Amino acid sequence: VILKPILDEICENPKPCEIDPLKLKEGDNVEMHKENLRYYVDKVFSTIVQSSISCPTLMCDVLCSLRRLAAERFPNDPHVQYSAVSSFVFLRFFAVAVVSPHTFHLRLHHPVSFDNVMFI
């Protein structure tokens, strides 16, 4: 639900974001594509960060336990507690929602190939 507005924007008014030199077409403006991609990434990231305040209490408790267990399991790595939590949240929830928005009922259908490439 958190990402629905930005995913709707991407699907309904897609901006070109291809930056792979091997996939660019003649006349494509790679700098404009970079700006478009940066816009989408910034918007998705800021939306995710701003949503942390509405994280359910039970989920916060689970993430707190994950953080503690990671720190206990890898005591010599001061960053593992943060990377464990952020990796779990992003890979389990947000990455899947971005790549397959229809799975979470954020979009009615699987995105067409252009949108799907942009999401990946």
N, C-alpha and C. Protein backbone atom coordinates (compact mmCIF):
# COMPACT_ATOMS: atom_id res chain seq x y z
N VAL A 1 0.83 -1.19 0.00
CA VAL A 1 0.00 0.00 0.00
C VAL A 1 0.87 1.26 0.00
N ILE A 2 1.98 1.20 0.71
CA ILE A 2 2.87 2.35 0.84
C ILE A 2 3.41 2.80 -0.52
N LEU A 3 3.73 1.83 -1.36
CA LEU A 3 4.33 2.17 -2.65
C LEU A 3 3.32 2.33 -3.78
N LYS A 4 2.05 2.09 -3.50
CA LYS A 4 1.05 2.15 -4.57
C LYS A 4 1.04 3.47 -5.35
N PRO A 5 1.07 4.63 -4.70
CA PRO A 5 1.04 5.87 -5.49
C PRO A 5 2.22 6.01 -6.46
N ILE A 6 3.41 5.68 -6.03
CA ILE A 6 4.56 5.82 -6.94
C ILE A 6 4.54 4.73 -8.01
N LEU A 7 4.09 3.53 -7.68
CA LEU A 7 3.98 2.48 -8.69
C LEU A 7 2.92 2.84 -9.72
N ASP A 8 1.82 3.43 -9.27
CA ASP A 8 0.80 3.90 -10.21
C ASP A 8 1.38 4.96 -11.14
N GLU A 9 2.14 5.88 -10.58
CA GLU A 9 2.76 6.93 -11.40
C GLU A 9 3.69 6.33 -12.44
N ILE A 10 4.50 5.37 -12.04
CA ILE A 10 5.44 4.74 -12.96
C ILE A 10 4.70 4.01 -14.07
N CYS A 11 3.65 3.29 -13.72
CA CYS A 11 2.91 2.51 -14.72
C CYS A 11 2.04 3.37 -15.63
N GLU A 12 1.45 4.41 -15.08
CA GLU A 12 0.51 5.21 -15.86
C GLU A 12 1.18 6.30 -16.68
N ASN A 13 2.30 6.81 -16.22
CA ASN A 13 3.04 7.84 -16.95
C ASN A 13 4.53 7.52 -16.94
N PRO A 14 4.90 6.42 -17.59
CA PRO A 14 6.30 5.99 -17.51
C PRO A 14 7.26 6.96 -18.20
N LYS A 15 8.37 7.19 -17.53
CA LYS A 15 9.44 8.00 -18.10
C LYS A 15 10.57 7.05 -18.46
N PRO A 16 11.25 7.28 -19.57
CA PRO A 16 12.34 6.38 -19.95
C PRO A 16 13.47 6.43 -18.93
N CYS A 17 13.94 5.25 -18.53
CA CYS A 17 14.98 5.15 -17.49
C CYS A 17 16.14 4.25 -17.91
N GLU A 18 16.17 3.83 -19.15
CA GLU A 18 17.24 2.93 -19.60
C GLU A 18 18.57 3.67 -19.59
N ILE A 19 19.56 3.09 -18.91
CA ILE A 19 20.90 3.70 -18.88
C ILE A 19 21.97 2.74 -19.36
N ASP A 20 21.60 1.52 -19.69
CA ASP A 20 22.56 0.54 -20.22
C ASP A 20 22.94 0.96 -21.63
N PRO A 21 24.23 1.27 -21.87
CA PRO A 21 24.65 1.72 -23.20
C PRO A 21 24.32 0.72 -24.30
N LEU A 22 24.27 -0.56 -23.98
CA LEU A 22 23.97 -1.57 -24.98
C LEU A 22 22.48 -1.61 -25.35
N LYS A 23 21.65 -1.03 -24.52
CA LYS A 23 20.21 -1.06 -24.76
C LYS A 23 19.64 0.29 -25.19
N LEU A 24 20.46 1.32 -25.16
CA LEU A 24 19.98 2.65 -25.57
C LEU A 24 19.74 2.67 -27.07
N LYS A 25 18.70 3.39 -27.45
CA LYS A 25 18.39 3.55 -28.87
C LYS A 25 19.00 4.84 -29.37
N GLU A 26 19.18 4.92 -30.66
CA GLU A 26 19.72 6.14 -31.25
C GLU A 26 18.79 7.31 -30.91
N GLY A 27 19.39 8.39 -30.45
CA GLY A 27 18.63 9.57 -30.08
C GLY A 27 18.20 9.61 -28.62
N ASP A 28 18.39 8.51 -27.89
CA ASP A 28 18.06 8.52 -26.46
C ASP A 28 18.99 9.47 -25.72
N ASN A 29 18.44 10.18 -24.79
CA ASN A 29 19.22 11.11 -23.97
C ASN A 29 19.51 10.43 -22.63
N VAL A 30 20.70 9.87 -22.52
CA VAL A 30 21.05 9.10 -21.32
C VAL A 30 21.02 9.97 -20.06
N GLU A 31 21.36 11.23 -20.18
CA GLU A 31 21.33 12.12 -19.01
C GLU A 31 19.90 12.32 -18.52
N MET A 32 18.97 12.45 -19.44
CA MET A 32 17.56 12.58 -19.06
C MET A 32 17.06 11.27 -18.44
N HIS A 33 17.49 10.15 -19.00
CA HIS A 33 17.11 8.85 -18.45
C HIS A 33 17.64 8.71 -17.03
N LYS A 34 18.87 9.17 -16.79
CA LYS A 34 19.46 9.12 -15.44
C LYS A 34 18.65 9.98 -14.47
N GLU A 35 18.24 11.14 -14.93
CA GLU A 35 17.42 12.02 -14.08
C GLU A 35 16.08 11.35 -13.75
N ASN A 36 15.46 10.72 -14.75
CA ASN A 36 14.20 10.02 -14.53
C ASN A 36 14.37 8.88 -13.52
N LEU A 37 15.42 8.10 -13.71
CA LEU A 37 15.68 6.99 -12.82
C LEU A 37 15.94 7.48 -11.40
N ARG A 38 16.74 8.53 -11.29
CA ARG A 38 17.04 9.10 -9.98
C ARG A 38 15.77 9.61 -9.30
N TYR A 39 14.89 10.23 -10.08
CA TYR A 39 13.62 10.72 -9.54
C TYR A 39 12.82 9.56 -8.94
N TYR A 40 12.67 8.47 -9.71
CA TYR A 40 11.91 7.32 -9.23
C TYR A 40 12.56 6.70 -8.00
N VAL A 41 13.87 6.51 -8.04
CA VAL A 41 14.57 5.90 -6.90
C VAL A 41 14.42 6.77 -5.66
N ASP A 42 14.63 8.07 -5.81
CA ASP A 42 14.49 8.99 -4.67
C ASP A 42 13.07 8.95 -4.10
N LYS A 43 12.09 8.92 -4.99
CA LYS A 43 10.70 8.93 -4.54
C LYS A 43 10.35 7.63 -3.81
N VAL A 44 10.78 6.50 -4.35
CA VAL A 44 10.53 5.22 -3.70
C VAL A 44 11.23 5.17 -2.35
N PHE A 45 12.50 5.57 -2.32
CA PHE A 45 13.26 5.53 -1.07
C PHE A 45 12.66 6.44 -0.01
N SER A 46 12.33 7.67 -0.38
CA SER A 46 11.77 8.59 0.62
C SER A 46 10.41 8.11 1.11
N THR A 47 9.63 7.50 0.24
CA THR A 47 8.33 6.95 0.64
C THR A 47 8.52 5.83 1.66
N ILE A 48 9.49 4.97 1.41
CA ILE A 48 9.77 3.87 2.34
C ILE A 48 10.24 4.41 3.68
N VAL A 49 11.16 5.35 3.67
CA VAL A 49 11.69 5.90 4.92
C VAL A 49 10.58 6.59 5.71
N GLN A 50 9.75 7.36 5.03
CA GLN A 50 8.67 8.07 5.72
C GLN A 50 7.62 7.11 6.28
N SER A 51 7.54 5.91 5.74
CA SER A 51 6.54 4.95 6.20
C SER A 51 6.93 4.25 7.50
N SER A 52 8.17 4.41 7.92
CA SER A 52 8.63 3.68 9.11
C SER A 52 7.80 4.02 10.35
N ILE A 53 7.27 5.20 10.41
CA ILE A 53 6.47 5.63 11.55
C ILE A 53 5.18 4.80 11.68
N SER A 54 4.71 4.26 10.57
CA SER A 54 3.45 3.50 10.60
C SER A 54 3.67 1.99 10.64
N CYS A 55 4.89 1.57 10.92
CA CYS A 55 5.18 0.13 11.03
C CYS A 55 4.43 -0.45 12.23
N PRO A 56 3.70 -1.54 12.03
CA PRO A 56 2.96 -2.13 13.15
C PRO A 56 3.88 -2.54 14.31
N THR A 57 3.37 -2.44 15.51
CA THR A 57 4.15 -2.74 16.71
C THR A 57 4.71 -4.16 16.68
N LEU A 58 3.91 -5.11 16.26
CA LEU A 58 4.38 -6.49 16.20
C LEU A 58 5.56 -6.63 15.25
N MET A 59 5.49 -5.96 14.10
CA MET A 59 6.60 -6.00 13.15
C MET A 59 7.84 -5.35 13.75
N CYS A 60 7.67 -4.26 14.46
CA CYS A 60 8.80 -3.60 15.14
C CYS A 60 9.45 -4.55 16.13
N ASP A 61 8.63 -5.31 16.86
CA ASP A 61 9.16 -6.29 17.81
C ASP A 61 9.96 -7.38 17.10
N VAL A 62 9.44 -7.87 15.98
CA VAL A 62 10.13 -8.90 15.21
C VAL A 62 11.47 -8.36 14.69
N LEU A 63 11.46 -7.15 14.16
CA LEU A 63 12.69 -6.56 13.63
C LEU A 63 13.70 -6.30 14.75
N CYS A 64 13.21 -5.93 15.91
CA CYS A 64 14.09 -5.72 17.07
C CYS A 64 14.76 -7.04 17.46
N SER A 65 13.99 -8.12 17.45
CA SER A 65 14.54 -9.44 17.76
C SER A 65 15.56 -9.87 16.71
N LEU A 66 15.25 -9.62 15.45
CA LEU A 66 16.18 -9.94 14.37
C LEU A 66 17.49 -9.18 14.54
N ARG A 67 17.39 -7.91 14.87
CA ARG A 67 18.57 -7.08 15.09
C ARG A 67 19.41 -7.63 16.24
N ARG A 68 18.76 -7.97 17.34
CA ARG A 68 19.47 -8.49 18.51
C ARG A 68 20.14 -9.83 18.20
N LEU A 69 19.42 -10.73 17.53
CA LEU A 69 19.97 -12.04 17.20
C LEU A 69 21.15 -11.94 16.24
N ALA A 70 21.05 -11.05 15.27
CA ALA A 70 22.16 -10.85 14.33
C ALA A 70 23.39 -10.33 15.06
N ALA A 71 23.19 -9.39 15.97
CA ALA A 71 24.31 -8.83 16.73
C ALA A 71 24.94 -9.89 17.63
N GLU A 72 24.13 -10.76 18.22
CA GLU A 72 24.65 -11.84 19.06
C GLU A 72 25.41 -12.87 18.23
N ARG A 73 24.88 -13.18 17.06
CA ARG A 73 25.49 -14.22 16.21
C ARG A 73 26.80 -13.74 15.59
N PHE A 74 26.90 -12.47 15.27
CA PHE A 74 28.09 -11.90 14.64
C PHE A 74 28.59 -10.72 15.46
N PRO A 75 29.14 -10.99 16.64
CA PRO A 75 29.54 -9.90 17.55
C PRO A 75 30.69 -9.03 17.04
N ASN A 76 31.46 -9.54 16.09
CA ASN A 76 32.61 -8.77 15.58
C ASN A 76 32.23 -7.83 14.44
N ASP A 77 31.00 -7.87 14.02
CA ASP A 77 30.55 -7.00 12.92
C ASP A 77 29.52 -6.00 13.47
N PRO A 78 29.95 -4.76 13.70
CA PRO A 78 29.02 -3.78 14.29
C PRO A 78 27.88 -3.36 13.37
N HIS A 79 27.99 -3.66 12.09
CA HIS A 79 26.97 -3.23 11.13
C HIS A 79 25.93 -4.31 10.83
N VAL A 80 26.22 -5.55 11.23
CA VAL A 80 25.35 -6.66 10.85
C VAL A 80 23.93 -6.49 11.36
N GLN A 81 23.77 -5.89 12.52
CA GLN A 81 22.42 -5.72 13.06
C GLN A 81 21.56 -4.83 12.17
N TYR A 82 22.19 -3.87 11.52
CA TYR A 82 21.45 -2.97 10.64
C TYR A 82 21.23 -3.59 9.26
N SER A 83 22.27 -4.23 8.74
CA SER A 83 22.13 -4.84 7.41
C SER A 83 21.16 -6.02 7.44
N ALA A 84 21.11 -6.75 8.55
CA ALA A 84 20.16 -7.86 8.66
C ALA A 84 18.72 -7.36 8.59
N VAL A 85 18.43 -6.32 9.34
CA VAL A 85 17.07 -5.78 9.36
C VAL A 85 16.71 -5.13 8.03
N SER A 86 17.59 -4.29 7.53
CA SER A 86 17.27 -3.59 6.27
C SER A 86 17.17 -4.57 5.11
N SER A 87 18.04 -5.57 5.06
CA SER A 87 17.97 -6.57 3.99
C SER A 87 16.66 -7.34 4.06
N PHE A 88 16.28 -7.74 5.25
CA PHE A 88 15.03 -8.48 5.42
C PHE A 88 13.84 -7.65 4.94
N VAL A 89 13.75 -6.44 5.40
CA VAL A 89 12.60 -5.60 5.06
C VAL A 89 12.56 -5.31 3.56
N PHE A 90 13.69 -4.89 3.00
CA PHE A 90 13.70 -4.53 1.59
C PHE A 90 13.47 -5.74 0.70
N LEU A 91 14.15 -6.85 0.98
CA LEU A 91 14.02 -8.01 0.10
C LEU A 91 12.68 -8.72 0.26
N ARG A 92 12.16 -8.76 1.47
CA ARG A 92 10.91 -9.48 1.71
C ARG A 92 9.67 -8.69 1.30
N PHE A 93 9.72 -7.39 1.46
CA PHE A 93 8.53 -6.59 1.22
C PHE A 93 8.65 -5.64 0.04
N PHE A 94 9.59 -4.73 0.10
CA PHE A 94 9.62 -3.66 -0.89
C PHE A 94 10.11 -4.11 -2.27
N ALA A 95 11.16 -4.92 -2.33
CA ALA A 95 11.66 -5.36 -3.64
C ALA A 95 10.60 -6.16 -4.38
N VAL A 96 9.93 -7.04 -3.68
CA VAL A 96 8.88 -7.85 -4.31
C VAL A 96 7.73 -6.96 -4.78
N ALA A 97 7.37 -5.99 -3.98
CA ALA A 97 6.27 -5.09 -4.35
C ALA A 97 6.62 -4.27 -5.58
N VAL A 98 7.88 -3.88 -5.72
CA VAL A 98 8.30 -3.08 -6.87
C VAL A 98 8.37 -3.94 -8.12
N VAL A 99 8.95 -5.14 -8.01
CA VAL A 99 9.12 -6.00 -9.18
C VAL A 99 7.80 -6.66 -9.59
N SER A 100 6.97 -7.00 -8.64
CA SER A 100 5.70 -7.68 -8.92
C SER A 100 4.55 -7.02 -8.17
N PRO A 101 4.21 -5.79 -8.54
CA PRO A 101 3.17 -5.07 -7.79
C PRO A 101 1.81 -5.77 -7.79
N HIS A 102 1.54 -6.58 -8.81
CA HIS A 102 0.26 -7.29 -8.84
C HIS A 102 0.17 -8.35 -7.74
N THR A 103 1.31 -8.85 -7.28
CA THR A 103 1.33 -9.86 -6.22
C THR A 103 0.73 -9.32 -4.92
N PHE A 104 0.94 -8.04 -4.67
CA PHE A 104 0.42 -7.41 -3.45
C PHE A 104 -0.84 -6.60 -3.73
N HIS A 105 -1.44 -6.83 -4.89
CA HIS A 105 -2.66 -6.12 -5.29
C HIS A 105 -2.44 -4.61 -5.35
N LEU A 106 -1.22 -4.21 -5.70
CA LEU A 106 -0.92 -2.79 -5.88
C LEU A 106 -1.24 -2.35 -7.31
N ARG A 107 -1.23 -3.31 -8.22
CA ARG A 107 -1.61 -3.08 -9.61
C ARG A 107 -2.50 -4.25 -10.01
N LEU A 108 -3.42 -4.00 -10.92
CA LEU A 108 -4.37 -5.03 -11.32
C LEU A 108 -3.69 -6.17 -12.07
N HIS A 109 -2.76 -5.82 -12.95
CA HIS A 109 -2.09 -6.83 -13.77
C HIS A 109 -0.59 -6.70 -13.64
N HIS A 110 0.09 -7.76 -14.07
CA HIS A 110 1.55 -7.71 -14.13
C HIS A 110 1.94 -6.61 -15.11
N PRO A 111 2.93 -5.79 -14.76
CA PRO A 111 3.31 -4.70 -15.66
C PRO A 111 3.74 -5.22 -17.03
N VAL A 112 3.49 -4.42 -18.05
CA VAL A 112 3.95 -4.77 -19.39
C VAL A 112 5.47 -4.74 -19.40
N SER A 113 6.07 -5.28 -20.43
CA SER A 113 7.53 -5.47 -20.44
C SER A 113 8.29 -4.17 -20.21
N PHE A 114 7.86 -3.05 -20.77
CA PHE A 114 8.58 -1.79 -20.57
C PHE A 114 8.63 -1.42 -19.10
N ASP A 115 7.47 -1.48 -18.45
CA ASP A 115 7.41 -1.15 -17.03
C ASP A 115 8.19 -2.15 -16.20
N ASN A 116 8.09 -3.42 -16.58
CA ASN A 116 8.77 -4.45 -15.82
C ASN A 116 10.27 -4.25 -15.86
N VAL A 117 10.81 -3.91 -17.02
CA VAL A 117 12.24 -3.64 -17.14
C VAL A 117 12.60 -2.44 -16.28
N MET A 118 11.75 -1.43 -16.27
CA MET A 118 12.03 -0.23 -15.47
C MET A 118 12.04 -0.58 -13.99
N PHE A 119 11.14 -1.45 -13.55
CA PHE A 119 11.10 -1.83 -12.14
C PHE A 119 12.36 -2.56 -11.72
N ILE A 120 12.85 -3.42 -12.58
CA ILE A 120 14.03 -4.22 -12.25
C ILE A 120 15.23 -3.34 -12.29
